Amino acid sequence: MNEFVAITILAALVGAAIGASLAKTAPWKGAVAVFVGVIASGTLSYALGIENVIISVACLIIAAGITGSALKMRPPQIGHAVLGSFLAVAIVYFVVDAIRYAS
């Protein structure tokens, strides 16, 4: 299970970097914004015992937005980074499920 979490976070960071580069900003800014969002979301969920996915995703988006604006990213650039990370994680989930069911 820990490997799956690591792969998911790595996919989110790669997707955020790709999304940020498509929005014409430095890829590391998108990856940092999403990484802080993931850490904040995980910490809040663990500390408060929140198991609601919608609240966790909202926390990720808010933390990524605050971090992105601190890194001088514009809102569309933050949105591209967040959506890129969501898309990359969705692709990883589909691939992992396909591998699980194929074997």
N, C-alpha and C. Protein backbone atom coordinates (compact mmCIF):
# COMPACT_ATOMS: atom_id res chain seq x y z
N MET A 1 0.82 -1.20 0.00
CA MET A 1 0.00 0.00 0.00
C MET A 1 0.86 1.26 0.00
N ASN A 2 1.98 1.23 0.71
CA ASN A 2 2.85 2.41 0.74
C ASN A 2 3.43 2.71 -0.63
N GLU A 3 3.70 1.66 -1.41
CA GLU A 3 4.22 1.89 -2.76
C GLU A 3 3.17 2.58 -3.62
N PHE A 4 1.92 2.21 -3.43
CA PHE A 4 0.84 2.82 -4.21
C PHE A 4 0.70 4.30 -3.87
N VAL A 5 0.84 4.66 -2.60
CA VAL A 5 0.77 6.06 -2.19
C VAL A 5 1.93 6.84 -2.79
N ALA A 6 3.12 6.25 -2.76
CA ALA A 6 4.29 6.92 -3.33
C ALA A 6 4.14 7.12 -4.84
N ILE A 7 3.62 6.11 -5.52
CA ILE A 7 3.41 6.23 -6.97
C ILE A 7 2.36 7.30 -7.26
N THR A 8 1.32 7.36 -6.44
CA THR A 8 0.27 8.35 -6.65
C THR A 8 0.81 9.77 -6.46
N ILE A 9 1.59 9.99 -5.41
CA ILE A 9 2.16 11.32 -5.18
C ILE A 9 3.13 11.69 -6.28
N LEU A 10 3.94 10.74 -6.71
CA LEU A 10 4.87 11.00 -7.80
C LEU A 10 4.13 11.35 -9.09
N ALA A 11 3.05 10.63 -9.37
CA ALA A 11 2.26 10.93 -10.56
C ALA A 11 1.62 12.32 -10.46
N ALA A 12 1.17 12.69 -9.26
CA ALA A 12 0.59 14.02 -9.07
C ALA A 12 1.62 15.11 -9.32
N LEU A 13 2.84 14.89 -8.86
CA LEU A 13 3.89 15.90 -9.07
C LEU A 13 4.28 16.01 -10.54
N VAL A 14 4.38 14.87 -11.20
CA VAL A 14 4.72 14.90 -12.64
C VAL A 14 3.60 15.56 -13.43
N GLY A 15 2.37 15.22 -13.13
CA GLY A 15 1.23 15.84 -13.81
C GLY A 15 1.15 17.33 -13.56
N ALA A 16 1.46 17.75 -12.33
CA ALA A 16 1.45 19.17 -12.02
C ALA A 16 2.55 19.91 -12.78
N ALA A 17 3.71 19.28 -12.90
CA ALA A 17 4.80 19.91 -13.65
C ALA A 17 4.45 20.03 -15.14
N ILE A 18 3.82 19.01 -15.68
CA ILE A 18 3.41 19.06 -17.09
C ILE A 18 2.33 20.12 -17.28
N GLY A 19 1.34 20.15 -16.37
CA GLY A 19 0.30 21.16 -16.47
C GLY A 19 0.83 22.57 -16.34
N ALA A 20 1.79 22.77 -15.44
CA ALA A 20 2.38 24.10 -15.27
C ALA A 20 3.18 24.51 -16.50
N SER A 21 3.88 23.56 -17.09
CA SER A 21 4.65 23.91 -18.29
C SER A 21 3.73 24.21 -19.47
N LEU A 22 2.58 23.54 -19.53
CA LEU A 22 1.61 23.87 -20.58
C LEU A 22 0.99 25.24 -20.37
N ALA A 23 0.98 25.70 -19.12
CA ALA A 23 0.45 27.03 -18.81
C ALA A 23 1.53 28.10 -18.89
N LYS A 24 2.68 27.73 -19.40
CA LYS A 24 3.79 28.65 -19.62
C LYS A 24 4.34 29.25 -18.32
N THR A 25 4.58 28.39 -17.37
CA THR A 25 5.27 28.77 -16.14
C THR A 25 6.29 27.68 -15.83
N ALA A 26 7.13 27.94 -14.85
CA ALA A 26 8.16 26.96 -14.50
C ALA A 26 7.52 25.69 -13.96
N PRO A 27 7.93 24.54 -14.47
CA PRO A 27 7.32 23.28 -14.01
C PRO A 27 7.49 23.04 -12.51
N TRP A 28 8.60 23.48 -11.94
CA TRP A 28 8.82 23.23 -10.52
C TRP A 28 7.80 23.98 -9.66
N LYS A 29 7.31 25.12 -10.14
CA LYS A 29 6.31 25.86 -9.36
C LYS A 29 5.02 25.07 -9.23
N GLY A 30 4.58 24.47 -10.31
CA GLY A 30 3.37 23.65 -10.25
C GLY A 30 3.55 22.44 -9.36
N ALA A 31 4.72 21.81 -9.46
CA ALA A 31 4.98 20.63 -8.63
C ALA A 31 5.05 21.00 -7.15
N VAL A 32 5.66 22.12 -6.84
CA VAL A 32 5.75 22.55 -5.43
C VAL A 32 4.36 22.90 -4.90
N ALA A 33 3.57 23.61 -5.68
CA ALA A 33 2.23 23.98 -5.23
C ALA A 33 1.38 22.75 -4.95
N VAL A 34 1.42 21.78 -5.83
CA VAL A 34 0.63 20.56 -5.62
C VAL A 34 1.21 19.73 -4.49
N PHE A 35 2.53 19.69 -4.35
CA PHE A 35 3.12 18.92 -3.25
C PHE A 35 2.70 19.48 -1.90
N VAL A 36 2.72 20.79 -1.76
CA VAL A 36 2.27 21.40 -0.50
C VAL A 36 0.78 21.10 -0.28
N GLY A 37 0.01 21.13 -1.36
CA GLY A 37 -1.41 20.79 -1.24
C GLY A 37 -1.63 19.35 -0.80
N VAL A 38 -0.85 18.43 -1.34
CA VAL A 38 -0.97 17.02 -0.96
C VAL A 38 -0.59 16.83 0.51
N ILE A 39 0.50 17.46 0.92
CA ILE A 39 0.93 17.33 2.32
C ILE A 39 -0.10 17.96 3.25
N ALA A 40 -0.61 19.12 2.91
CA ALA A 40 -1.62 19.77 3.75
C ALA A 40 -2.90 18.95 3.83
N SER A 41 -3.32 18.41 2.71
CA SER A 41 -4.53 17.58 2.68
C SER A 41 -4.35 16.32 3.51
N GLY A 42 -3.23 15.65 3.34
CA GLY A 42 -2.98 14.44 4.11
C GLY A 42 -2.85 14.70 5.59
N THR A 43 -2.18 15.79 5.95
CA THR A 43 -2.02 16.14 7.35
C THR A 43 -3.36 16.48 7.99
N LEU A 44 -4.16 17.26 7.29
CA LEU A 44 -5.46 17.64 7.83
C LEU A 44 -6.37 16.43 7.97
N SER A 45 -6.37 15.58 6.96
CA SER A 45 -7.22 14.39 7.02
C SER A 45 -6.80 13.47 8.15
N TYR A 46 -5.50 13.31 8.34
CA TYR A 46 -5.02 12.42 9.40
C TYR A 46 -5.24 13.03 10.78
N ALA A 47 -4.95 14.31 10.92
CA ALA A 47 -5.05 14.95 12.24
C ALA A 47 -6.50 15.06 12.72
N LEU A 48 -7.40 15.35 11.82
CA LEU A 48 -8.80 15.53 12.21
C LEU A 48 -9.65 14.28 11.99
N GLY A 49 -9.07 13.25 11.40
CA GLY A 49 -9.81 12.01 11.16
C GLY A 49 -10.86 12.16 10.07
N ILE A 50 -10.60 13.01 9.11
CA ILE A 50 -11.56 13.24 8.02
C ILE A 50 -11.36 12.16 6.96
N GLU A 51 -12.44 11.48 6.61
CA GLU A 51 -12.37 10.46 5.57
C GLU A 51 -13.17 10.84 4.33
N ASN A 52 -13.66 12.06 4.29
CA ASN A 52 -14.45 12.53 3.16
C ASN A 52 -13.50 12.99 2.06
N VAL A 53 -13.62 12.39 0.89
CA VAL A 53 -12.72 12.71 -0.21
C VAL A 53 -12.94 14.13 -0.72
N ILE A 54 -14.15 14.61 -0.70
CA ILE A 54 -14.44 15.95 -1.21
C ILE A 54 -13.75 17.01 -0.36
N ILE A 55 -13.76 16.83 0.95
CA ILE A 55 -13.08 17.78 1.84
C ILE A 55 -11.57 17.71 1.63
N SER A 56 -11.02 16.52 1.43
CA SER A 56 -9.59 16.38 1.20
C SER A 56 -9.17 17.05 -0.11
N VAL A 57 -9.97 16.87 -1.15
CA VAL A 57 -9.65 17.50 -2.44
C VAL A 57 -9.79 19.02 -2.34
N ALA A 58 -10.80 19.49 -1.63
CA ALA A 58 -10.96 20.94 -1.44
C ALA A 58 -9.77 21.51 -0.68
N CYS A 59 -9.29 20.80 0.32
CA CYS A 59 -8.11 21.24 1.06
C CYS A 59 -6.89 21.29 0.15
N LEU A 60 -6.73 20.29 -0.70
CA LEU A 60 -5.61 20.27 -1.64
C LEU A 60 -5.67 21.47 -2.58
N ILE A 61 -6.85 21.75 -3.11
CA ILE A 61 -6.99 22.87 -4.04
C ILE A 61 -6.71 24.20 -3.36
N ILE A 62 -7.21 24.37 -2.14
CA ILE A 62 -6.99 25.63 -1.41
C ILE A 62 -5.51 25.80 -1.08
N ALA A 63 -4.87 24.74 -0.58
CA ALA A 63 -3.45 24.84 -0.24
C ALA A 63 -2.59 25.05 -1.48
N ALA A 64 -2.93 24.39 -2.58
CA ALA A 64 -2.18 24.60 -3.82
C ALA A 64 -2.38 26.02 -4.35
N GLY A 65 -3.58 26.55 -4.19
CA GLY A 65 -3.83 27.93 -4.62
C GLY A 65 -3.05 28.94 -3.80
N ILE A 66 -3.01 28.74 -2.49
CA ILE A 66 -2.25 29.66 -1.63
C ILE A 66 -0.75 29.56 -1.94
N THR A 67 -0.26 28.34 -2.09
CA THR A 67 1.16 28.16 -2.39
C THR A 67 1.50 28.69 -3.77
N GLY A 68 0.65 28.43 -4.73
CA GLY A 68 0.90 28.94 -6.08
C GLY A 68 0.91 30.45 -6.15
N SER A 69 0.01 31.09 -5.43
CA SER A 69 0.02 32.56 -5.43
C SER A 69 1.24 33.10 -4.70
N ALA A 70 1.73 32.37 -3.70
CA ALA A 70 2.97 32.80 -3.04
C ALA A 70 4.17 32.65 -3.97
N LEU A 71 4.07 31.72 -4.93
CA LEU A 71 5.14 31.54 -5.92
C LEU A 71 4.94 32.42 -7.15
N LYS A 72 4.02 33.37 -7.07
CA LYS A 72 3.74 34.32 -8.16
C LYS A 72 3.16 33.65 -9.40
N MET A 73 2.34 32.62 -9.18
CA MET A 73 1.63 31.98 -10.29
C MET A 73 0.26 32.65 -10.43
N ARG A 74 -0.20 32.77 -11.66
CA ARG A 74 -1.54 33.31 -11.89
C ARG A 74 -2.56 32.19 -11.70
N PRO A 75 -3.83 32.54 -11.45
CA PRO A 75 -4.85 31.50 -11.22
C PRO A 75 -4.98 30.47 -12.34
N PRO A 76 -4.93 30.86 -13.63
CA PRO A 76 -5.00 29.81 -14.66
C PRO A 76 -3.81 28.85 -14.61
N GLN A 77 -2.66 29.36 -14.23
CA GLN A 77 -1.49 28.49 -14.13
C GLN A 77 -1.64 27.50 -12.97
N ILE A 78 -2.20 27.96 -11.86
CA ILE A 78 -2.45 27.06 -10.73
C ILE A 78 -3.48 26.02 -11.12
N GLY A 79 -4.51 26.46 -11.82
CA GLY A 79 -5.54 25.52 -12.27
C GLY A 79 -4.99 24.46 -13.20
N HIS A 80 -4.10 24.85 -14.12
CA HIS A 80 -3.49 23.87 -15.02
C HIS A 80 -2.66 22.86 -14.22
N ALA A 81 -1.93 23.34 -13.23
CA ALA A 81 -1.10 22.43 -12.43
C ALA A 81 -1.97 21.45 -11.65
N VAL A 82 -3.03 21.94 -11.03
CA VAL A 82 -3.91 21.07 -10.24
C VAL A 82 -4.62 20.07 -11.15
N LEU A 83 -5.15 20.53 -12.26
CA LEU A 83 -5.84 19.61 -13.17
C LEU A 83 -4.87 18.61 -13.80
N GLY A 84 -3.65 19.04 -14.07
CA GLY A 84 -2.65 18.10 -14.57
C GLY A 84 -2.34 17.01 -13.56
N SER A 85 -2.29 17.39 -12.29
CA SER A 85 -2.03 16.37 -11.27
C SER A 85 -3.22 15.42 -11.13
N PHE A 86 -4.44 15.95 -11.20
CA PHE A 86 -5.62 15.07 -11.12
C PHE A 86 -5.66 14.10 -12.29
N LEU A 87 -5.35 14.59 -13.48
CA LEU A 87 -5.37 13.74 -14.66
C LEU A 87 -4.31 12.66 -14.58
N ALA A 88 -3.12 13.02 -14.11
CA ALA A 88 -2.04 12.03 -13.99
C ALA A 88 -2.40 10.96 -12.97
N VAL A 89 -3.00 11.36 -11.86
CA VAL A 89 -3.39 10.38 -10.84
C VAL A 89 -4.49 9.47 -11.37
N ALA A 90 -5.43 10.02 -12.13
CA ALA A 90 -6.48 9.19 -12.72
C ALA A 90 -5.90 8.16 -13.69
N ILE A 91 -4.94 8.57 -14.48
CA ILE A 91 -4.29 7.64 -15.41
C ILE A 91 -3.57 6.54 -14.65
N VAL A 92 -2.88 6.90 -13.57
CA VAL A 92 -2.17 5.89 -12.77
C VAL A 92 -3.16 4.91 -12.16
N TYR A 93 -4.30 5.41 -11.65
CA TYR A 93 -5.31 4.52 -11.09
C TYR A 93 -5.81 3.52 -12.14
N PHE A 94 -6.08 4.01 -13.35
CA PHE A 94 -6.56 3.12 -14.40
C PHE A 94 -5.51 2.07 -14.77
N VAL A 95 -4.26 2.48 -14.87
CA VAL A 95 -3.20 1.55 -15.23
C VAL A 95 -3.00 0.51 -14.13
N VAL A 96 -2.99 0.95 -12.88
CA VAL A 96 -2.80 0.00 -11.77
C VAL A 96 -3.97 -0.98 -11.70
N ASP A 97 -5.18 -0.50 -11.87
CA ASP A 97 -6.33 -1.41 -11.87
C ASP A 97 -6.27 -2.38 -13.03
N ALA A 98 -5.85 -1.93 -14.20
CA ALA A 98 -5.73 -2.82 -15.34
C ALA A 98 -4.68 -3.89 -15.09
N ILE A 99 -3.59 -3.52 -14.44
CA ILE A 99 -2.55 -4.51 -14.12
C ILE A 99 -3.06 -5.49 -13.08
N ARG A 100 -3.78 -4.99 -12.08
CA ARG A 100 -4.31 -5.87 -11.03
C ARG A 100 -5.28 -6.90 -11.60
N TYR A 101 -6.20 -6.44 -12.44
CA TYR A 101 -7.21 -7.34 -12.98
C TYR A 101 -6.69 -8.25 -14.07
N ALA A 102 -5.60 -7.85 -14.73
CA ALA A 102 -5.03 -8.67 -15.77
C ALA A 102 -4.29 -9.88 -15.19
N SER A 103 -3.79 -9.71 -13.99
CA SER A 103 -3.00 -10.83 -13.41
C SER A 103 -3.79 -11.66 -12.44
